[in-house]
Amino acid sequence: MPLVNIRLTRREQPTTREQKAALIAGVTQLMQDVLAKRADSVVVIIDEVDPDNWGEGGESVTMLRERRARQQQQQ
């Protein structure tokens, strides 16, 4: 039984129920096409991570987004 975990960062515009359903369907189809897995054996889990709970280059994603937004406003 394949278990696929998708992690998304929460955004100002949340990922919709429809988008999540499309991800689940698409990943399931990919597992069928590439690994010949039965659709009913594929498990897809979507985790939404708060941007305060992870970071890059020593900064939280929240801080990175804020800095990038300020830089774009200055341009």
Protein backbone atom coordinates (compact mmCIF):
# COMPACT_ATOMS: atom_id res chain seq x y z
CA MET A 1 0.00 0.00 0.00
CA PRO A 2 1.69 3.23 -1.12
CA LEU A 3 1.44 6.12 1.31
CA VAL A 4 2.09 9.54 -0.20
CA ASN A 5 2.45 12.54 2.09
CA ILE A 6 2.07 16.02 0.58
CA ARG A 7 3.11 18.96 2.73
CA LEU A 8 1.85 22.42 1.89
CA THR A 9 2.53 25.67 3.65
CA ARG A 10 -0.58 27.52 4.71
CA ARG A 11 -1.05 30.64 2.61
CA GLU A 12 -3.14 33.77 2.84
CA GLN A 13 -5.42 32.23 0.22
CA PRO A 14 -5.96 28.72 1.60
CA THR A 15 -5.78 25.65 -0.57
CA THR A 16 -9.37 24.84 -1.43
CA ARG A 17 -11.18 21.56 -0.91
CA GLU A 18 -11.34 21.22 -4.70
CA GLN A 19 -7.59 21.73 -5.09
CA LYS A 20 -6.90 19.12 -2.42
CA ALA A 21 -9.25 16.67 -4.12
CA ALA A 22 -7.42 17.28 -7.41
CA LEU A 23 -4.06 16.61 -5.71
CA ILE A 24 -5.35 13.35 -4.23
CA ALA A 25 -6.81 12.21 -7.55
CA GLY A 26 -3.70 13.23 -9.49
CA VAL A 27 -1.25 11.51 -7.15
CA THR A 28 -3.39 8.38 -7.13
CA GLN A 29 -3.42 8.35 -10.95
CA LEU A 30 0.35 8.87 -11.02
CA MET A 31 0.87 5.87 -8.73
CA GLN A 32 -1.35 3.80 -11.04
CA ASP A 33 0.51 4.95 -14.17
CA VAL A 34 4.07 4.73 -12.88
CA LEU A 35 3.96 1.88 -10.36
CA ALA A 36 0.88 -0.04 -11.55
CA LYS A 37 -0.76 0.37 -8.13
CA ARG A 38 -4.48 -0.16 -7.63
CA ALA A 39 -6.27 3.12 -6.87
CA ASP A 40 -7.92 1.64 -3.79
CA SER A 41 -4.51 0.83 -2.31
CA VAL A 42 -3.09 4.37 -2.58
CA VAL A 43 -3.24 6.55 0.53
CA VAL A 44 -2.63 10.29 0.15
CA ILE A 45 -2.22 12.53 3.19
CA ILE A 46 -2.08 16.31 2.89
CA ASP A 47 -0.43 18.16 5.76
CA GLU A 48 -0.75 21.93 5.92
CA VAL A 49 2.13 23.45 7.84
CA ASP A 50 1.87 26.82 9.51
CA PRO A 51 4.59 29.08 8.04
CA ASP A 52 5.80 29.90 11.56
CA ASN A 53 6.66 26.22 12.01
CA TRP A 54 9.38 25.92 9.39
CA GLY A 55 12.04 28.03 7.77
CA GLU A 56 14.80 28.43 5.24
CA GLY A 57 18.20 30.00 5.68
CA GLY A 58 17.67 30.71 9.38
CA GLU A 59 14.35 32.53 8.98
CA SER A 60 10.78 31.33 9.40
CA VAL A 61 8.73 31.25 6.23
CA THR A 62 6.49 33.92 7.77
CA MET A 63 9.46 36.27 8.07
CA LEU A 64 10.71 35.39 4.57
CA ARG A 65 7.31 36.17 3.06
CA GLU A 66 7.09 39.47 4.92
CA ARG A 67 10.58 40.49 3.79
CA ARG A 68 9.83 39.55 0.18
CA ALA A 69 6.56 41.48 0.27
CA ARG A 70 8.39 44.59 1.55
CA GLN A 71 11.01 44.22 -1.20
CA GLN A 72 8.33 43.97 -3.87
CA GLN A 73 6.59 47.08 -2.52
CA GLN A 74 9.85 49.02 -2.71
CA GLN A 75 10.34 48.16 -6.39
